[in-house]
Amino acid sequence: MTMFPRKVRQSALAACAVALCTLAGAAHAADDDKVPYWASVDTDLANLRVGPGESYKIDWVYRRLHLPVKVLRREGPWRLVEDPDGAKGWMRDLLLSRQRSALVKGPGRKALVEMHAAPSSASPMLWRMESGVVGVLGDCKEGWCPFDVQGHKGFVEQEMLWGAGAP
């Protein structure tokens, strides 16, 4: 049997201890989030169930990557979420991401919402979007949010986006 010098063993043990503490701290930080908070669907197919478990009936099936949801409660690996239409149910945490997204919620079903080149209605308009368009959300400031819809980037008024305000 090969013996390692005492200092090498101590250094290796110390490195392992630091790594374990770091991993435990990261796992704890992920569970430390206060509810409610915003999340987004992180898959092309996600089931919303009537209760927190695989044995509960599926109420809705979402086929919308980055759809924003509001997390209202936690129960183990399950999250009680609310979708943009107000439907509530349970979704597995693995199906959700903390990447912020938002859904365009124009003033009417057929109304178009403008995306601007800068955070101002006086800046050039880049695109018009229908209600229901989903995009990745940046940090909102002074009523305007950076918004990216499949590479089409610009700024949208915060009040026109579901998922952009306080949860």
C-alpha atoms as a PDB file:
ATOM      1  CA  MET A   1       0.000   0.000   0.000  1.00  0.00           C
ATOM      2  CA  THR A   2       1.344   3.414  -0.958  1.00  0.00           C
ATOM      3  CA  MET A   3       1.317   5.989   1.806  1.00  0.00           C
ATOM      4  CA  PHE A   4       0.925   9.680   1.071  1.00  0.00           C
ATOM      5  CA  PRO A   5       2.787  12.192   3.179  1.00  0.00           C
ATOM      6  CA  ARG A   6       0.682  13.701   5.963  1.00  0.00           C
ATOM      7  CA  LYS A   7       0.647  17.209   4.387  1.00  0.00           C
ATOM      8  CA  VAL A   8      -0.676  15.830   1.077  1.00  0.00           C
ATOM      9  CA  ARG A   9      -3.467  13.945   2.881  1.00  0.00           C
ATOM     10  CA  GLN A  10      -4.375  17.008   4.938  1.00  0.00           C
ATOM     11  CA  SER A  11      -4.422  19.230   1.852  1.00  0.00           C
ATOM     12  CA  ALA A  12      -6.606  16.752  -0.029  1.00  0.00           C
ATOM     13  CA  LEU A  13      -9.031  16.489   2.898  1.00  0.00           C
ATOM     14  CA  ALA A  14      -9.197  20.273   3.216  1.00  0.00           C
ATOM     15  CA  ALA A  15      -9.907  20.638  -0.520  1.00  0.00           C
ATOM     16  CA  CYS A  16     -12.703  18.046  -0.298  1.00  0.00           C
ATOM     17  CA  ALA A  17     -14.210  19.813   2.717  1.00  0.00           C
ATOM     18  CA  VAL A  18     -14.198  23.166   0.901  1.00  0.00           C
ATOM     19  CA  ALA A  19     -15.806  21.587  -2.185  1.00  0.00           C
ATOM     20  CA  LEU A  20     -18.546  19.946  -0.100  1.00  0.00           C
ATOM     21  CA  CYS A  21     -19.285  23.174   1.767  1.00  0.00           C
ATOM     22  CA  THR A  22     -19.466  25.075  -1.521  1.00  0.00           C
ATOM     23  CA  LEU A  23     -21.896  22.550  -3.027  1.00  0.00           C
ATOM     24  CA  ALA A  24     -24.033  22.496   0.113  1.00  0.00           C
ATOM     25  CA  GLY A  25     -24.114  26.302   0.169  1.00  0.00           C
ATOM     26  CA  ALA A  26     -25.183  26.477  -3.480  1.00  0.00           C
ATOM     27  CA  ALA A  27     -27.958  23.926  -2.913  1.00  0.00           C
ATOM     28  CA  HIS A  28     -29.156  25.828   0.143  1.00  0.00           C
ATOM     29  CA  ALA A  29     -29.100  29.146  -1.733  1.00  0.00           C
ATOM     30  CA  ALA A  30     -31.318  27.670  -4.456  1.00  0.00           C
ATOM     31  CA  ASP A  31     -33.900  26.690  -1.814  1.00  0.00           C
ATOM     32  CA  ASP A  32     -33.548  30.015  -0.020  1.00  0.00           C
ATOM     33  CA  ASP A  33     -35.593  31.983  -2.560  1.00  0.00           C
ATOM     34  CA  LYS A  34     -38.604  33.662  -1.055  1.00  0.00           C
ATOM     35  CA  VAL A  35     -41.955  33.126  -2.707  1.00  0.00           C
ATOM     36  CA  PRO A  36     -43.485  34.518  -4.759  1.00  0.00           C
ATOM     37  CA  TYR A  37     -40.871  34.833  -7.490  1.00  0.00           C
ATOM     38  CA  TRP A  38     -40.762  34.732 -11.286  1.00  0.00           C
ATOM     39  CA  ALA A  39     -39.582  31.708 -13.247  1.00  0.00           C
ATOM     40  CA  SER A  40     -39.975  30.466 -16.790  1.00  0.00           C
ATOM     41  CA  VAL A  41     -40.811  27.107 -18.325  1.00  0.00           C
ATOM     42  CA  ASP A  42     -37.474  25.600 -19.333  1.00  0.00           C
ATOM     43  CA  THR A  43     -38.693  22.905 -21.716  1.00  0.00           C
ATOM     44  CA  ASP A  44     -40.877  22.509 -24.796  1.00  0.00           C
ATOM     45  CA  LEU A  45     -43.316  20.285 -22.889  1.00  0.00           C
ATOM     46  CA  ALA A  46     -44.334  20.784 -19.249  1.00  0.00           C
ATOM     47  CA  ASN A  47     -47.258  19.365 -17.290  1.00  0.00           C
ATOM     48  CA  LEU A  48     -49.220  21.390 -14.762  1.00  0.00           C
ATOM     49  CA  ARG A  49     -50.783  19.080 -12.172  1.00  0.00           C
ATOM     50  CA  VAL A  50     -53.609  19.550  -9.677  1.00  0.00           C
ATOM     51  CA  GLY A  51     -51.330  18.498  -6.803  1.00  0.00           C
ATOM     52  CA  PRO A  52     -47.637  18.240  -5.921  1.00  0.00           C
ATOM     53  CA  GLY A  53     -46.775  14.765  -7.212  1.00  0.00           C
ATOM     54  CA  GLU A  54     -46.644  12.469 -10.245  1.00  0.00           C
ATOM     55  CA  SER A  55     -49.811  10.696  -9.070  1.00  0.00           C
ATOM     56  CA  TYR A  56     -51.923  13.853  -9.428  1.00  0.00           C
ATOM     57  CA  LYS A  57     -53.958  14.494 -12.574  1.00  0.00           C
ATOM     58  CA  ILE A  58     -52.438  16.645 -15.316  1.00  0.00           C
ATOM     59  CA  ASP A  59     -54.564  19.766 -15.658  1.00  0.00           C
ATOM     60  CA  TRP A  60     -52.643  21.592 -18.408  1.00  0.00           C
ATOM     61  CA  VAL A  61     -49.856  20.730 -20.830  1.00  0.00           C
ATOM     62  CA  TYR A  62     -47.607  23.645 -21.788  1.00  0.00           C
ATOM     63  CA  ARG A  63     -45.729  23.568 -25.077  1.00  0.00           C
ATOM     64  CA  ARG A  64     -44.125  26.976 -24.775  1.00  0.00           C
ATOM     65  CA  LEU A  65     -40.426  27.381 -23.990  1.00  0.00           C
ATOM     66  CA  HIS A  66     -39.712  30.437 -21.785  1.00  0.00           C
ATOM     67  CA  LEU A  67     -43.370  30.928 -20.808  1.00  0.00           C
ATOM     68  CA  PRO A  68     -43.229  33.085 -17.662  1.00  0.00           C
ATOM     69  CA  VAL A  69     -44.850  31.759 -14.500  1.00  0.00           C
ATOM     70  CA  LYS A  70     -45.166  33.094 -10.983  1.00  0.00           C
ATOM     71  CA  VAL A  71     -44.012  30.641  -8.300  1.00  0.00           C
ATOM     72  CA  LEU A  72     -46.395  30.947  -5.352  1.00  0.00           C
ATOM     73  CA  ARG A  73     -45.339  28.064  -3.105  1.00  0.00           C
ATOM     74  CA  ARG A  74     -42.810  25.244  -2.724  1.00  0.00           C
ATOM     75  CA  GLU A  75     -43.377  21.698  -1.602  1.00  0.00           C
ATOM     76  CA  GLY A  76     -40.271  19.548  -1.937  1.00  0.00           C
ATOM     77  CA  PRO A  77     -39.328  19.440  -5.629  1.00  0.00           C
ATOM     78  CA  TRP A  78     -42.732  20.825  -6.646  1.00  0.00           C
ATOM     79  CA  ARG A  79     -43.732  24.435  -7.252  1.00  0.00           C
ATOM     80  CA  LEU A  80     -47.231  25.894  -7.172  1.00  0.00           C
ATOM     81  CA  VAL A  81     -47.246  28.232 -10.169  1.00  0.00           C
ATOM     82  CA  GLU A  82     -49.605  30.692 -11.803  1.00  0.00           C
ATOM     83  CA  ASP A  83     -49.523  31.181 -15.572  1.00  0.00           C
ATOM     84  CA  PRO A  84     -50.268  34.436 -17.461  1.00  0.00           C
ATOM     85  CA  ASP A  85     -53.958  33.481 -17.757  1.00  0.00           C
ATOM     86  CA  GLY A  86     -54.301  32.954 -14.009  1.00  0.00           C
ATOM     87  CA  ALA A  87     -54.361  29.133 -14.091  1.00  0.00           C
ATOM     88  CA  LYS A  88     -52.696  27.636 -11.017  1.00  0.00           C
ATOM     89  CA  GLY A  89     -51.203  24.209 -10.501  1.00  0.00           C
ATOM     90  CA  TRP A  90     -48.116  22.258  -9.571  1.00  0.00           C
ATOM     91  CA  MET A  91     -45.034  21.897 -11.720  1.00  0.00           C
ATOM     92  CA  ARG A  92     -41.823  19.999 -11.064  1.00  0.00           C
ATOM     93  CA  ASP A  93     -38.873  22.313 -10.289  1.00  0.00           C
ATOM     94  CA  LEU A  94     -36.735  20.645 -12.985  1.00  0.00           C
ATOM     95  CA  LEU A  95     -39.094  22.060 -15.624  1.00  0.00           C
ATOM     96  CA  LEU A  96     -38.500  25.645 -14.482  1.00  0.00           C
ATOM     97  CA  SER A  97     -35.673  28.116 -14.918  1.00  0.00           C
ATOM     98  CA  ARG A  98     -34.853  31.293 -13.016  1.00  0.00           C
ATOM     99  CA  GLN A  99     -34.117  32.986 -16.361  1.00  0.00           C
ATOM    100  CA  ARG A 100     -36.551  35.886 -16.502  1.00  0.00           C
ATOM    101  CA  SER A 101     -38.991  35.973 -19.363  1.00  0.00           C
ATOM    102  CA  ALA A 102     -42.172  37.899 -20.042  1.00  0.00           C
ATOM    103  CA  LEU A 103     -45.293  37.689 -22.161  1.00  0.00           C
ATOM    104  CA  VAL A 104     -46.591  40.617 -24.195  1.00  0.00           C
ATOM    105  CA  LYS A 105     -50.008  41.604 -22.831  1.00  0.00           C
ATOM    106  CA  GLY A 106     -51.146  44.433 -25.041  1.00  0.00           C
ATOM    107  CA  PRO A 107     -54.157  46.587 -24.136  1.00  0.00           C
ATOM    108  CA  GLY A 108     -56.461  44.391 -26.246  1.00  0.00           C
ATOM    109  CA  ARG A 109     -56.365  41.022 -27.952  1.00  0.00           C
ATOM    110  CA  LYS A 110     -55.628  42.492 -31.370  1.00  0.00           C
ATOM    111  CA  ALA A 111     -53.578  45.464 -30.174  1.00  0.00           C
ATOM    112  CA  LEU A 112     -49.913  45.554 -31.089  1.00  0.00           C
ATOM    113  CA  VAL A 113     -47.162  46.452 -28.629  1.00  0.00           C
ATOM    114  CA  GLU A 114     -44.122  48.353 -29.858  1.00  0.00           C
ATOM    115  CA  MET A 115     -40.489  47.411 -29.320  1.00  0.00           C
ATOM    116  CA  HIS A 116     -38.164  50.427 -29.428  1.00  0.00           C
ATOM    117  CA  ALA A 117     -34.442  50.879 -30.078  1.00  0.00           C
ATOM    118  CA  ALA A 118     -33.957  52.625 -26.719  1.00  0.00           C
ATOM    119  CA  PRO A 119     -35.953  52.900 -23.479  1.00  0.00           C
ATOM    120  CA  SER A 120     -38.134  55.747 -24.726  1.00  0.00           C
ATOM    121  CA  SER A 121     -41.286  56.015 -26.822  1.00  0.00           C
ATOM    122  CA  ALA A 122     -39.490  58.788 -28.748  1.00  0.00           C
ATOM    123  CA  SER A 123     -36.821  56.325 -29.936  1.00  0.00           C
ATOM    124  CA  PRO A 124     -37.220  54.508 -33.268  1.00  0.00           C
ATOM    125  CA  MET A 125     -39.749  51.693 -33.245  1.00  0.00           C
ATOM    126  CA  LEU A 126     -38.145  48.393 -34.272  1.00  0.00           C
ATOM    127  CA  TRP A 127     -41.022  45.899 -34.148  1.00  0.00           C
ATOM    128  CA  ARG A 128     -44.692  45.511 -33.382  1.00  0.00           C
ATOM    129  CA  MET A 129     -45.660  42.445 -31.366  1.00  0.00           C
ATOM    130  CA  GLU A 130     -48.997  40.745 -30.779  1.00  0.00           C
ATOM    131  CA  SER A 131     -50.287  39.849 -27.344  1.00  0.00           C
ATOM    132  CA  GLY A 132     -48.958  36.444 -26.334  1.00  0.00           C
ATOM    133  CA  VAL A 133     -45.438  36.858 -27.711  1.00  0.00           C
ATOM    134  CA  VAL A 134     -42.859  35.498 -25.236  1.00  0.00           C
ATOM    135  CA  GLY A 135     -39.315  36.782 -24.879  1.00  0.00           C
ATOM    136  CA  VAL A 136     -36.327  36.868 -22.565  1.00  0.00           C
ATOM    137  CA  LEU A 137     -36.435  39.776 -20.145  1.00  0.00           C
ATOM    138  CA  GLY A 138     -33.571  42.007 -19.036  1.00  0.00           C
ATOM    139  CA  ASP A 139     -33.433  44.298 -15.993  1.00  0.00           C
ATOM    140  CA  CYS A 140     -36.271  46.816 -16.174  1.00  0.00           C
ATOM    141  CA  LYS A 141     -35.497  50.444 -15.347  1.00  0.00           C
ATOM    142  CA  GLU A 142     -37.754  53.479 -15.249  1.00  0.00           C
ATOM    143  CA  GLY A 143     -40.701  51.663 -16.814  1.00  0.00           C
ATOM    144  CA  TRP A 144     -38.774  50.102 -19.722  1.00  0.00           C
ATOM    145  CA  CYS A 145     -37.431  46.560 -20.123  1.00  0.00           C
ATOM    146  CA  PRO A 146     -34.828  45.088 -22.451  1.00  0.00           C
ATOM    147  CA  PHE A 147     -36.662  42.339 -24.330  1.00  0.00           C
ATOM    148  CA  ASP A 148     -35.316  39.653 -26.679  1.00  0.00           C
ATOM    149  CA  VAL A 149     -37.684  37.688 -28.897  1.00  0.00           C
ATOM    150  CA  GLN A 150     -35.616  35.072 -30.714  1.00  0.00           C
ATOM    151  CA  GLY A 151     -32.802  37.525 -31.422  1.00  0.00           C
ATOM    152  CA  HIS A 152     -35.035  40.531 -32.083  1.00  0.00           C
ATOM    153  CA  LYS A 153     -33.865  42.855 -29.311  1.00  0.00           C
ATOM    154  CA  GLY A 154     -35.141  46.170 -28.084  1.00  0.00           C
ATOM    155  CA  PHE A 155     -37.050  47.861 -25.263  1.00  0.00           C
ATOM    156  CA  VAL A 156     -40.693  47.453 -24.279  1.00  0.00           C
ATOM    157  CA  GLU A 157     -42.772  49.392 -21.773  1.00  0.00           C
ATOM    158  CA  GLN A 158     -42.886  47.390 -18.556  1.00  0.00           C
ATOM    159  CA  GLU A 159     -46.666  47.708 -18.189  1.00  0.00           C
ATOM    160  CA  MET A 160     -47.080  45.831 -21.498  1.00  0.00           C
ATOM    161  CA  LEU A 161     -45.297  42.713 -20.186  1.00  0.00           C
ATOM    162  CA  TRP A 162     -46.640  40.014 -17.862  1.00  0.00           C
ATOM    163  CA  GLY A 163     -43.756  38.850 -15.715  1.00  0.00           C
ATOM    164  CA  ALA A 164     -41.874  42.146 -15.669  1.00  0.00           C
ATOM    165  CA  GLY A 165     -43.045  43.652 -12.385  1.00  0.00           C
ATOM    166  CA  ALA A 166     -42.891  42.497  -8.801  1.00  0.00           C
ATOM    167  CA  PRO A 167     -44.286  38.961  -8.472  1.00  0.00           C
END
